[in-house]
Amino acid sequence: MEVKKSQNANVQKSSMLYFLIGLNVVLLAILLMFNYKQYDEALVKEEEFAEVEAPTEAVLVEIPEPKTPPPPPPKADEPPPPPPPVVPQEIEQSPKPVPPPPIQDQNTPTPPKINLAPSHSTGEVKKVDLSALKQKTQEAPKEERVAEAVTVNRVDQMAVYPGCEKYKGKKRELIKCFGEKLGDDILKYLNTEFPDVNKETVGVRLEFHVDENGYITNINPKFGDDIFKPEAKRALEKTADYLRRKGQTIEPARMSNGDKVKLIFTQDVKLKNPNY
């Protein structure tokens, strides 16, 4: 019998569907093969546990104290035992230290001894006059306290140079006036011949003290040109001597309590070269 094919049948109609199904099955099988793991059978040993005996409760057993027999009563005929002898305690006494005799200065005069005991003689009691000894004690020379020189920043009242009396009580104005007046007096005694140096100006800073009496002392050239220091110092010494001879003393500086103090002051002296 001959098989007849239908003219409407299409063999390639579902071939693509079957191909995709087969491809998915193959890919799934490959994926399962990669993820497949084989585990070795491990020998599992049973854990061994040591047998521990259950703790037993401690039982307190009371041990009876041994009973000591009471001492036998003393017999009526026997006297009681004598008490133990008392041992006297010996106290060691350390010898007291003897203080050394006081050392007397051979130069200090010893005061006269006055006998205050009542005299049995019928004569009059002599009186000792101690006023002379008291007067000598009061007239003893006292140690002179050396005053420390202070700067203008520490004094309460600035020193007043002759001619600056109108600025009393004004510290800043007094400092300025002091420098100007002193500089004018120094120029009167300064040798204006310029030293042999190739400079436009030469200058020196002089430091000095104004003591409690108002005199200029302790003149010291601190900074400046060495060639000009002797001349500047000489001019200030001449100025201080002139003020002393004329009786024009500087009113000294004072602290807040009113005490006079030595004042440290500085003065700049400059000379200009006429050839420049």
C-alpha atoms as a PDB file:
ATOM      1  CA  MET A   1       0.000   0.000   0.000  1.00  0.00           C
ATOM      2  CA  GLU A   2       1.612   3.248  -0.989  1.00  0.00           C
ATOM      3  CA  VAL A   3       1.731   6.055   1.533  1.00  0.00           C
ATOM      4  CA  LYS A   4       0.512   9.236   0.159  1.00  0.00           C
ATOM      5  CA  LYS A   5       1.838  12.512   1.411  1.00  0.00           C
ATOM      6  CA  SER A   6      -0.472  15.340   1.976  1.00  0.00           C
ATOM      7  CA  GLN A   7       0.120  18.217  -0.225  1.00  0.00           C
ATOM      8  CA  ASN A   8      -0.597  20.661   2.643  1.00  0.00           C
ATOM      9  CA  ALA A   9       1.831  18.995   5.136  1.00  0.00           C
ATOM     10  CA  ASN A  10       5.003  21.058   5.889  1.00  0.00           C
ATOM     11  CA  VAL A  11       7.858  19.044   7.345  1.00  0.00           C
ATOM     12  CA  GLN A  12      10.040  22.048   8.247  1.00  0.00           C
ATOM     13  CA  LYS A  13       7.241  23.859  10.061  1.00  0.00           C
ATOM     14  CA  SER A  14       8.215  22.773  13.671  1.00  0.00           C
ATOM     15  CA  SER A  15      11.860  21.863  13.082  1.00  0.00           C
ATOM     16  CA  MET A  16      13.152  25.084  14.679  1.00  0.00           C
ATOM     17  CA  LEU A  17      11.059  24.500  17.831  1.00  0.00           C
ATOM     18  CA  TYR A  18      12.405  21.016  18.269  1.00  0.00           C
ATOM     19  CA  PHE A  19      15.957  22.246  17.700  1.00  0.00           C
ATOM     20  CA  LEU A  20      15.682  24.838  20.472  1.00  0.00           C
ATOM     21  CA  ILE A  21      14.194  22.297  22.883  1.00  0.00           C
ATOM     22  CA  GLY A  22      17.043  19.899  22.231  1.00  0.00           C
ATOM     23  CA  LEU A  23      19.631  22.653  22.627  1.00  0.00           C
ATOM     24  CA  ASN A  24      18.214  23.668  26.025  1.00  0.00           C
ATOM     25  CA  VAL A  25      18.228  20.070  27.208  1.00  0.00           C
ATOM     26  CA  VAL A  26      21.880  19.659  26.213  1.00  0.00           C
ATOM     27  CA  LEU A  27      22.937  22.906  27.934  1.00  0.00           C
ATOM     28  CA  LEU A  28      21.076  21.948  31.104  1.00  0.00           C
ATOM     29  CA  ALA A  29      22.807  18.569  31.154  1.00  0.00           C
ATOM     30  CA  ILE A  30      26.232  20.216  30.745  1.00  0.00           C
ATOM     31  CA  LEU A  31      25.488  22.677  33.576  1.00  0.00           C
ATOM     32  CA  LEU A  32      24.487  19.841  35.891  1.00  0.00           C
ATOM     33  CA  MET A  33      27.677  17.958  35.079  1.00  0.00           C
ATOM     34  CA  PHE A  34      29.844  21.002  36.028  1.00  0.00           C
ATOM     35  CA  ASN A  35      28.029  21.535  39.322  1.00  0.00           C
ATOM     36  CA  TYR A  36      28.072  17.917  40.312  1.00  0.00           C
ATOM     37  CA  LYS A  37      30.408  17.171  43.247  1.00  0.00           C
ATOM     38  CA  GLN A  38      31.280  13.834  44.668  1.00  0.00           C
ATOM     39  CA  TYR A  39      31.909  13.642  48.420  1.00  0.00           C
ATOM     40  CA  ASP A  40      34.085  10.950  49.947  1.00  0.00           C
ATOM     41  CA  GLU A  41      32.609   8.979  52.666  1.00  0.00           C
ATOM     42  CA  ALA A  42      34.302  10.104  55.851  1.00  0.00           C
ATOM     43  CA  LEU A  43      34.647   7.860  58.731  1.00  0.00           C
ATOM     44  CA  VAL A  44      32.886   9.439  61.629  1.00  0.00           C
ATOM     45  CA  LYS A  45      34.148   8.241  64.907  1.00  0.00           C
ATOM     46  CA  GLU A  46      31.972   8.285  67.859  1.00  0.00           C
ATOM     47  CA  GLU A  47      33.022  10.832  70.449  1.00  0.00           C
ATOM     48  CA  GLU A  48      34.535   9.302  73.485  1.00  0.00           C
ATOM     49  CA  PHE A  49      33.392  10.802  76.736  1.00  0.00           C
ATOM     50  CA  ALA A  50      35.250  10.240  79.938  1.00  0.00           C
ATOM     51  CA  GLU A  51      33.200   8.874  82.663  1.00  0.00           C
ATOM     52  CA  VAL A  52      32.941  11.437  85.447  1.00  0.00           C
ATOM     53  CA  GLU A  53      31.699  10.347  88.728  1.00  0.00           C
ATOM     54  CA  ALA A  54      29.013  12.419  90.303  1.00  0.00           C
ATOM     55  CA  PRO A  55      30.339  14.704  93.054  1.00  0.00           C
ATOM     56  CA  THR A  56      29.706  13.467  96.484  1.00  0.00           C
ATOM     57  CA  GLU A  57      28.441  15.786  99.155  1.00  0.00           C
ATOM     58  CA  ALA A  58      30.873  16.578 101.951  1.00  0.00           C
ATOM     59  CA  VAL A  59      29.671  15.469 105.302  1.00  0.00           C
ATOM     60  CA  LEU A  60      30.797  17.455 108.332  1.00  0.00           C
ATOM     61  CA  VAL A  61      31.695  15.174 111.144  1.00  0.00           C
ATOM     62  CA  GLU A  62      31.889  16.787 114.537  1.00  0.00           C
ATOM     63  CA  ILE A  63      34.817  15.517 116.567  1.00  0.00           C
ATOM     64  CA  PRO A  64      34.058  15.738 120.254  1.00  0.00           C
ATOM     65  CA  GLU A  65      36.650  17.630 122.283  1.00  0.00           C
ATOM     66  CA  PRO A  66      38.458  15.491 124.808  1.00  0.00           C
ATOM     67  CA  LYS A  67      37.298  16.217 128.279  1.00  0.00           C
ATOM     68  CA  THR A  68      40.148  17.015 130.618  1.00  0.00           C
ATOM     69  CA  PRO A  69      39.576  16.000 134.181  1.00  0.00           C
ATOM     70  CA  PRO A  70      39.274  18.924 136.617  1.00  0.00           C
ATOM     71  CA  PRO A  71      42.285  19.578 138.840  1.00  0.00           C
ATOM     72  CA  PRO A  72      42.094  17.933 142.220  1.00  0.00           C
ATOM     73  CA  PRO A  73      40.939  20.230 145.011  1.00  0.00           C
ATOM     74  CA  PRO A  74      43.729  21.418 147.322  1.00  0.00           C
ATOM     75  CA  LYS A  75      44.047  19.707 150.602  1.00  0.00           C
ATOM     76  CA  ALA A  76      43.064  21.614 153.706  1.00  0.00           C
ATOM     77  CA  ASP A  77      46.400  21.017 155.403  1.00  0.00           C
ATOM     78  CA  GLU A  78      48.577  22.251 152.482  1.00  0.00           C
ATOM     79  CA  PRO A  79      49.161  26.054 152.249  1.00  0.00           C
ATOM     80  CA  PRO A  80      48.487  27.795 148.919  1.00  0.00           C
ATOM     81  CA  PRO A  81      51.467  28.133 146.579  1.00  0.00           C
ATOM     82  CA  PRO A  82      53.401  31.395 146.991  1.00  0.00           C
ATOM     83  CA  PRO A  83      52.938  34.078 144.283  1.00  0.00           C
ATOM     84  CA  PRO A  84      55.707  34.487 141.715  1.00  0.00           C
ATOM     85  CA  PRO A  85      58.416  36.939 142.760  1.00  0.00           C
ATOM     86  CA  VAL A  86      58.135  40.453 141.312  1.00  0.00           C
ATOM     87  CA  VAL A  87      61.193  41.384 139.254  1.00  0.00           C
ATOM     88  CA  PRO A  88      61.999  45.121 139.652  1.00  0.00           C
ATOM     89  CA  GLN A  89      62.289  46.970 136.350  1.00  0.00           C
ATOM     90  CA  GLU A  90      65.564  48.793 135.896  1.00  0.00           C
ATOM     91  CA  ILE A  91      65.269  52.146 134.096  1.00  0.00           C
ATOM     92  CA  GLU A  92      68.445  53.317 132.437  1.00  0.00           C
ATOM     93  CA  GLN A  93      68.898  57.058 132.746  1.00  0.00           C
ATOM     94  CA  SER A  94      70.987  58.619 130.025  1.00  0.00           C
ATOM     95  CA  PRO A  95      73.196  61.472 131.176  1.00  0.00           C
ATOM     96  CA  LYS A  96      71.945  64.896 130.116  1.00  0.00           C
ATOM     97  CA  PRO A  97      74.164  66.640 127.561  1.00  0.00           C
ATOM     98  CA  VAL A  98      76.101  69.470 129.066  1.00  0.00           C
ATOM     99  CA  PRO A  99      75.772  72.616 126.904  1.00  0.00           C
ATOM    100  CA  PRO A 100      79.070  74.216 125.917  1.00  0.00           C
ATOM    101  CA  PRO A 101      79.949  77.427 127.685  1.00  0.00           C
ATOM    102  CA  PRO A 102      78.987  80.563 125.718  1.00  0.00           C
ATOM    103  CA  ILE A 103      81.791  82.115 123.726  1.00  0.00           C
ATOM    104  CA  GLN A 104      82.241  85.733 124.607  1.00  0.00           C
ATOM    105  CA  ASP A 105      83.684  88.173 122.161  1.00  0.00           C
ATOM    106  CA  GLN A 106      86.795  89.806 123.495  1.00  0.00           C
ATOM    107  CA  ASN A 107      85.997  93.060 121.697  1.00  0.00           C
ATOM    108  CA  THR A 108      82.510  93.504 123.177  1.00  0.00           C
ATOM    109  CA  PRO A 109      82.612  95.270 126.521  1.00  0.00           C
ATOM    110  CA  THR A 110      81.046  93.380 129.407  1.00  0.00           C
ATOM    111  CA  PRO A 111      78.403  95.403 131.253  1.00  0.00           C
ATOM    112  CA  PRO A 112      79.075  96.097 134.929  1.00  0.00           C
ATOM    113  CA  LYS A 113      77.507  93.708 137.399  1.00  0.00           C
ATOM    114  CA  ILE A 114      74.868  95.247 139.615  1.00  0.00           C
ATOM    115  CA  ASN A 115      74.436  93.743 143.056  1.00  0.00           C
ATOM    116  CA  LEU A 116      70.751  93.871 143.951  1.00  0.00           C
ATOM    117  CA  ALA A 117      71.105  91.972 147.244  1.00  0.00           C
ATOM    118  CA  PRO A 118      70.338  94.025 150.358  1.00  0.00           C
ATOM    119  CA  SER A 119      73.480  95.306 151.966  1.00  0.00           C
ATOM    120  CA  HIS A 120      73.969  94.856 155.679  1.00  0.00           C
ATOM    121  CA  SER A 121      76.200  97.897 155.835  1.00  0.00           C
ATOM    122  CA  THR A 122      74.875 101.127 157.200  1.00  0.00           C
ATOM    123  CA  GLY A 123      76.112 103.138 154.166  1.00  0.00           C
ATOM    124  CA  GLU A 124      73.912 104.359 151.291  1.00  0.00           C
ATOM    125  CA  VAL A 125      73.184 102.180 148.257  1.00  0.00           C
ATOM    126  CA  LYS A 126      75.130 103.267 145.161  1.00  0.00           C
ATOM    127  CA  LYS A 127      73.135 103.765 141.955  1.00  0.00           C
ATOM    128  CA  VAL A 128      74.628 102.881 138.569  1.00  0.00           C
ATOM    129  CA  ASP A 129      73.891 105.292 135.739  1.00  0.00           C
ATOM    130  CA  LEU A 130      73.026 103.339 132.549  1.00  0.00           C
ATOM    131  CA  SER A 131      72.204 106.370 130.410  1.00  0.00           C
ATOM    132  CA  ALA A 132      75.733 106.486 128.969  1.00  0.00           C
ATOM    133  CA  LEU A 133      75.509 102.861 127.848  1.00  0.00           C
ATOM    134  CA  LYS A 134      72.091 103.495 126.261  1.00  0.00           C
ATOM    135  CA  GLN A 135      73.403 106.564 124.452  1.00  0.00           C
ATOM    136  CA  LYS A 136      76.336 104.599 123.012  1.00  0.00           C
ATOM    137  CA  THR A 137      73.946 101.938 121.764  1.00  0.00           C
ATOM    138  CA  GLN A 138      71.786 104.525 120.020  1.00  0.00           C
ATOM    139  CA  GLU A 139      74.817 106.224 118.471  1.00  0.00           C
ATOM    140  CA  ALA A 140      76.093 102.980 116.923  1.00  0.00           C
ATOM    141  CA  PRO A 141      76.463 103.403 113.138  1.00  0.00           C
ATOM    142  CA  LYS A 142      73.650 101.815 111.149  1.00  0.00           C
ATOM    143  CA  GLU A 143      74.282  99.851 107.983  1.00  0.00           C
ATOM    144  CA  GLU A 144      73.607 101.990 104.963  1.00  0.00           C
ATOM    145  CA  ARG A 145      71.174 100.508 102.483  1.00  0.00           C
ATOM    146  CA  VAL A 146      72.462 100.580  98.938  1.00  0.00           C
ATOM    147  CA  ALA A 147      69.728 101.968  96.675  1.00  0.00           C
ATOM    148  CA  GLU A 148      69.203 100.201  93.372  1.00  0.00           C
ATOM    149  CA  ALA A 149      69.007 102.303  90.223  1.00  0.00           C
ATOM    150  CA  VAL A 150      65.713 101.993  88.320  1.00  0.00           C
ATOM    151  CA  THR A 151      64.543 102.957  84.845  1.00  0.00           C
ATOM    152  CA  VAL A 152      61.971 105.603  83.950  1.00  0.00           C
ATOM    153  CA  ASN A 153      59.303 102.918  83.531  1.00  0.00           C
ATOM    154  CA  ARG A 154      59.470 101.910  87.206  1.00  0.00           C
ATOM    155  CA  VAL A 155      59.440 105.340  88.866  1.00  0.00           C
ATOM    156  CA  ASP A 156      56.193 107.055  89.790  1.00  0.00           C
ATOM    157  CA  GLN A 157      57.512 110.638  89.499  1.00  0.00           C
ATOM    158  CA  MET A 158      60.013 111.449  86.762  1.00  0.00           C
ATOM    159  CA  ALA A 159      63.142 113.484  87.533  1.00  0.00           C
ATOM    160  CA  VAL A 160      62.789 117.184  86.658  1.00  0.00           C
ATOM    161  CA  TYR A 161      65.619 118.810  84.694  1.00  0.00           C
ATOM    162  CA  PRO A 162      66.201 122.555  85.278  1.00  0.00           C
ATOM    163  CA  GLY A 163      63.770 124.402  82.999  1.00  0.00           C
ATOM    164  CA  CYS A 164      61.150 121.595  82.891  1.00  0.00           C
ATOM    165  CA  GLU A 165      59.307 122.508  86.095  1.00  0.00           C
ATOM    166  CA  LYS A 166      56.120 123.392  84.210  1.00  0.00           C
ATOM    167  CA  TYR A 167      55.657 119.723  83.237  1.00  0.00           C
ATOM    168  CA  LYS A 168      55.562 118.386  86.803  1.00  0.00           C
ATOM    169  CA  GLY A 169      53.097 115.526  87.138  1.00  0.00           C
ATOM    170  CA  LYS A 170      53.275 114.719  83.405  1.00  0.00           C
ATOM    171  CA  LYS A 171      55.739 111.872  83.039  1.00  0.00           C
ATOM    172  CA  ARG A 172      55.841 111.681  79.245  1.00  0.00           C
ATOM    173  CA  GLU A 173      56.354 115.419  78.801  1.00  0.00           C
ATOM    174  CA  LEU A 174      59.062 115.441  81.484  1.00  0.00           C
ATOM    175  CA  ILE A 175      61.013 112.685  79.711  1.00  0.00           C
ATOM    176  CA  LYS A 176      60.880 114.600  76.421  1.00  0.00           C
ATOM    177  CA  CYS A 177      61.846 117.919  78.053  1.00  0.00           C
ATOM    178  CA  PHE A 178      64.674 116.234  80.001  1.00  0.00           C
ATOM    179  CA  GLY A 179      66.262 114.940  76.781  1.00  0.00           C
ATOM    180  CA  GLU A 180      65.884 118.233  74.911  1.00  0.00           C
ATOM    181  CA  LYS A 181      67.316 120.438  77.683  1.00  0.00           C
ATOM    182  CA  LEU A 182      70.187 118.076  78.406  1.00  0.00           C
ATOM    183  CA  GLY A 183      71.000 117.778  74.691  1.00  0.00           C
ATOM    184  CA  ASP A 184      71.219 121.573  74.362  1.00  0.00           C
ATOM    185  CA  ASP A 185      73.618 121.778  77.332  1.00  0.00           C
ATOM    186  CA  ILE A 186      75.818 118.980  75.947  1.00  0.00           C
ATOM    187  CA  LEU A 187      76.180 120.802  72.600  1.00  0.00           C
ATOM    188  CA  LYS A 188      77.687 123.793  74.453  1.00  0.00           C
ATOM    189  CA  TYR A 189      80.706 121.689  75.484  1.00  0.00           C
ATOM    190  CA  LEU A 190      80.884 119.343  72.485  1.00  0.00           C
ATOM    191  CA  ASN A 191      83.814 119.661  70.095  1.00  0.00           C
ATOM    192  CA  THR A 192      82.134 120.106  66.715  1.00  0.00           C
ATOM    193  CA  GLU A 193      85.242 119.098  64.757  1.00  0.00           C
ATOM    194  CA  PHE A 194      84.163 115.990  62.900  1.00  0.00           C
ATOM    195  CA  PRO A 195      86.432 112.952  63.406  1.00  0.00           C
ATOM    196  CA  ASP A 196      88.455 111.503  60.556  1.00  0.00           C
ATOM    197  CA  VAL A 197      85.925 108.941  59.342  1.00  0.00           C
ATOM    198  CA  ASN A 198      84.095 108.649  56.044  1.00  0.00           C
ATOM    199  CA  LYS A 199      80.563 108.789  57.425  1.00  0.00           C
ATOM    200  CA  GLU A 200      77.645 111.185  57.198  1.00  0.00           C
ATOM    201  CA  THR A 201      77.014 111.221  60.960  1.00  0.00           C
ATOM    202  CA  VAL A 202      78.561 109.775  64.100  1.00  0.00           C
ATOM    203  CA  GLY A 203      76.571 109.085  67.242  1.00  0.00           C
ATOM    204  CA  VAL A 204      76.805 107.631  70.737  1.00  0.00           C
ATOM    205  CA  ARG A 205      74.163 106.593  73.272  1.00  0.00           C
ATOM    206  CA  LEU A 206      75.197 107.667  76.771  1.00  0.00           C
ATOM    207  CA  GLU A 207      73.816 105.956  79.873  1.00  0.00           C
ATOM    208  CA  PHE A 208      74.051 107.689  83.255  1.00  0.00           C
ATOM    209  CA  HIS A 209      72.421 107.900  86.684  1.00  0.00           C
ATOM    210  CA  VAL A 210      70.624 110.771  88.380  1.00  0.00           C
ATOM    211  CA  ASP A 211      71.197 110.066  92.091  1.00  0.00           C
ATOM    212  CA  GLU A 212      69.021 110.951  95.081  1.00  0.00           C
ATOM    213  CA  ASN A 213      70.763 114.347  95.382  1.00  0.00           C
ATOM    214  CA  GLY A 214      70.038 115.315  91.773  1.00  0.00           C
ATOM    215  CA  TYR A 215      73.579 114.896  90.388  1.00  0.00           C
ATOM    216  CA  ILE A 216      74.595 113.127  87.171  1.00  0.00           C
ATOM    217  CA  THR A 217      76.891 110.154  87.921  1.00  0.00           C
ATOM    218  CA  ASN A 218      78.103 106.850  86.408  1.00  0.00           C
ATOM    219  CA  ILE A 219      78.404 108.094  82.819  1.00  0.00           C
ATOM    220  CA  ASN A 220      78.902 105.163  80.444  1.00  0.00           C
ATOM    221  CA  PRO A 221      78.916 105.238  76.598  1.00  0.00           C
ATOM    222  CA  LYS A 222      76.859 102.165  75.709  1.00  0.00           C
ATOM    223  CA  PHE A 223      76.473 102.077  71.923  1.00  0.00           C
ATOM    224  CA  GLY A 224      77.695 103.981  68.902  1.00  0.00           C
ATOM    225  CA  ASP A 225      80.923 104.934  67.150  1.00  0.00           C
ATOM    226  CA  ASP A 226      83.990 104.138  69.236  1.00  0.00           C
ATOM    227  CA  ILE A 227      85.895 107.122  67.852  1.00  0.00           C
ATOM    228  CA  PHE A 228      83.189 109.487  69.128  1.00  0.00           C
ATOM    229  CA  LYS A 229      82.580 107.908  72.577  1.00  0.00           C
ATOM    230  CA  PRO A 230      85.326 109.788  74.510  1.00  0.00           C
ATOM    231  CA  GLU A 231      84.193 113.191  73.211  1.00  0.00           C
ATOM    232  CA  ALA A 232      80.517 112.552  74.003  1.00  0.00           C
ATOM    233  CA  LYS A 233      81.382 111.374  77.525  1.00  0.00           C
ATOM    234  CA  ARG A 234      83.593 114.430  78.109  1.00  0.00           C
ATOM    235  CA  ALA A 235      80.810 116.799  77.021  1.00  0.00           C
ATOM    236  CA  LEU A 236      78.309 115.199  79.448  1.00  0.00           C
ATOM    237  CA  GLU A 237      80.831 115.344  82.289  1.00  0.00           C
ATOM    238  CA  LYS A 238      81.326 119.071  81.603  1.00  0.00           C
ATOM    239  CA  THR A 239      77.545 119.567  81.648  1.00  0.00           C
ATOM    240  CA  ALA A 240      77.191 117.757  84.994  1.00  0.00           C
ATOM    241  CA  ASP A 241      80.031 119.844  86.470  1.00  0.00           C
ATOM    242  CA  TYR A 242      78.432 123.058  85.210  1.00  0.00           C
ATOM    243  CA  LEU A 243      75.083 122.223  86.835  1.00  0.00           C
ATOM    244  CA  ARG A 244      76.803 121.424  90.125  1.00  0.00           C
ATOM    245  CA  ARG A 245      78.801 124.678  90.154  1.00  0.00           C
ATOM    246  CA  LYS A 246      75.746 126.767  89.334  1.00  0.00           C
ATOM    247  CA  GLY A 247      73.640 124.996  91.970  1.00  0.00           C
ATOM    248  CA  GLN A 248      71.129 123.865  89.348  1.00  0.00           C
ATOM    249  CA  THR A 249      70.418 120.388  90.634  1.00  0.00           C
ATOM    250  CA  ILE A 250      68.021 117.980  89.006  1.00  0.00           C
ATOM    251  CA  GLU A 251      64.980 117.137  91.112  1.00  0.00           C
ATOM    252  CA  PRO A 252      65.395 113.367  91.724  1.00  0.00           C
ATOM    253  CA  ALA A 253      62.859 110.745  90.741  1.00  0.00           C
ATOM    254  CA  ARG A 254      60.527 109.242  93.328  1.00  0.00           C
ATOM    255  CA  MET A 255      58.694 105.969  93.809  1.00  0.00           C
ATOM    256  CA  SER A 256      55.002 105.617  94.630  1.00  0.00           C
ATOM    257  CA  ASN A 257      55.719 105.816  98.387  1.00  0.00           C
ATOM    258  CA  GLY A 258      57.596 109.117  97.944  1.00  0.00           C
ATOM    259  CA  ASP A 259      61.135 107.723  98.395  1.00  0.00           C
ATOM    260  CA  LYS A 260      63.906 109.205  96.251  1.00  0.00           C
ATOM    261  CA  VAL A 261      65.692 106.732  93.975  1.00  0.00           C
ATOM    262  CA  LYS A 262      68.545 106.623  91.495  1.00  0.00           C
ATOM    263  CA  LEU A 263      67.278 106.999  87.950  1.00  0.00           C
ATOM    264  CA  ILE A 264      68.824 105.349  84.881  1.00  0.00           C
ATOM    265  CA  PHE A 265      68.573 107.639  81.846  1.00  0.00           C
ATOM    266  CA  THR A 266      69.964 107.484  78.301  1.00  0.00           C
ATOM    267  CA  GLN A 267      70.838 110.354  75.971  1.00  0.00           C
ATOM    268  CA  ASP A 268      71.759 110.154  72.276  1.00  0.00           C
ATOM    269  CA  VAL A 269      74.507 112.512  71.065  1.00  0.00           C
ATOM    270  CA  LYS A 270      75.009 112.893  67.287  1.00  0.00           C
ATOM    271  CA  LEU A 271      77.373 114.962  65.140  1.00  0.00           C
ATOM    272  CA  LYS A 272      76.852 115.595  61.424  1.00  0.00           C
ATOM    273  CA  ASN A 273      79.673 115.643  58.878  1.00  0.00           C
ATOM    274  CA  PRO A 274      79.773 119.114  57.238  1.00  0.00           C
ATOM    275  CA  ASN A 275      81.407 117.695  54.075  1.00  0.00           C
ATOM    276  CA  TYR A 276      78.304 115.658  53.125  1.00  0.00           C
END
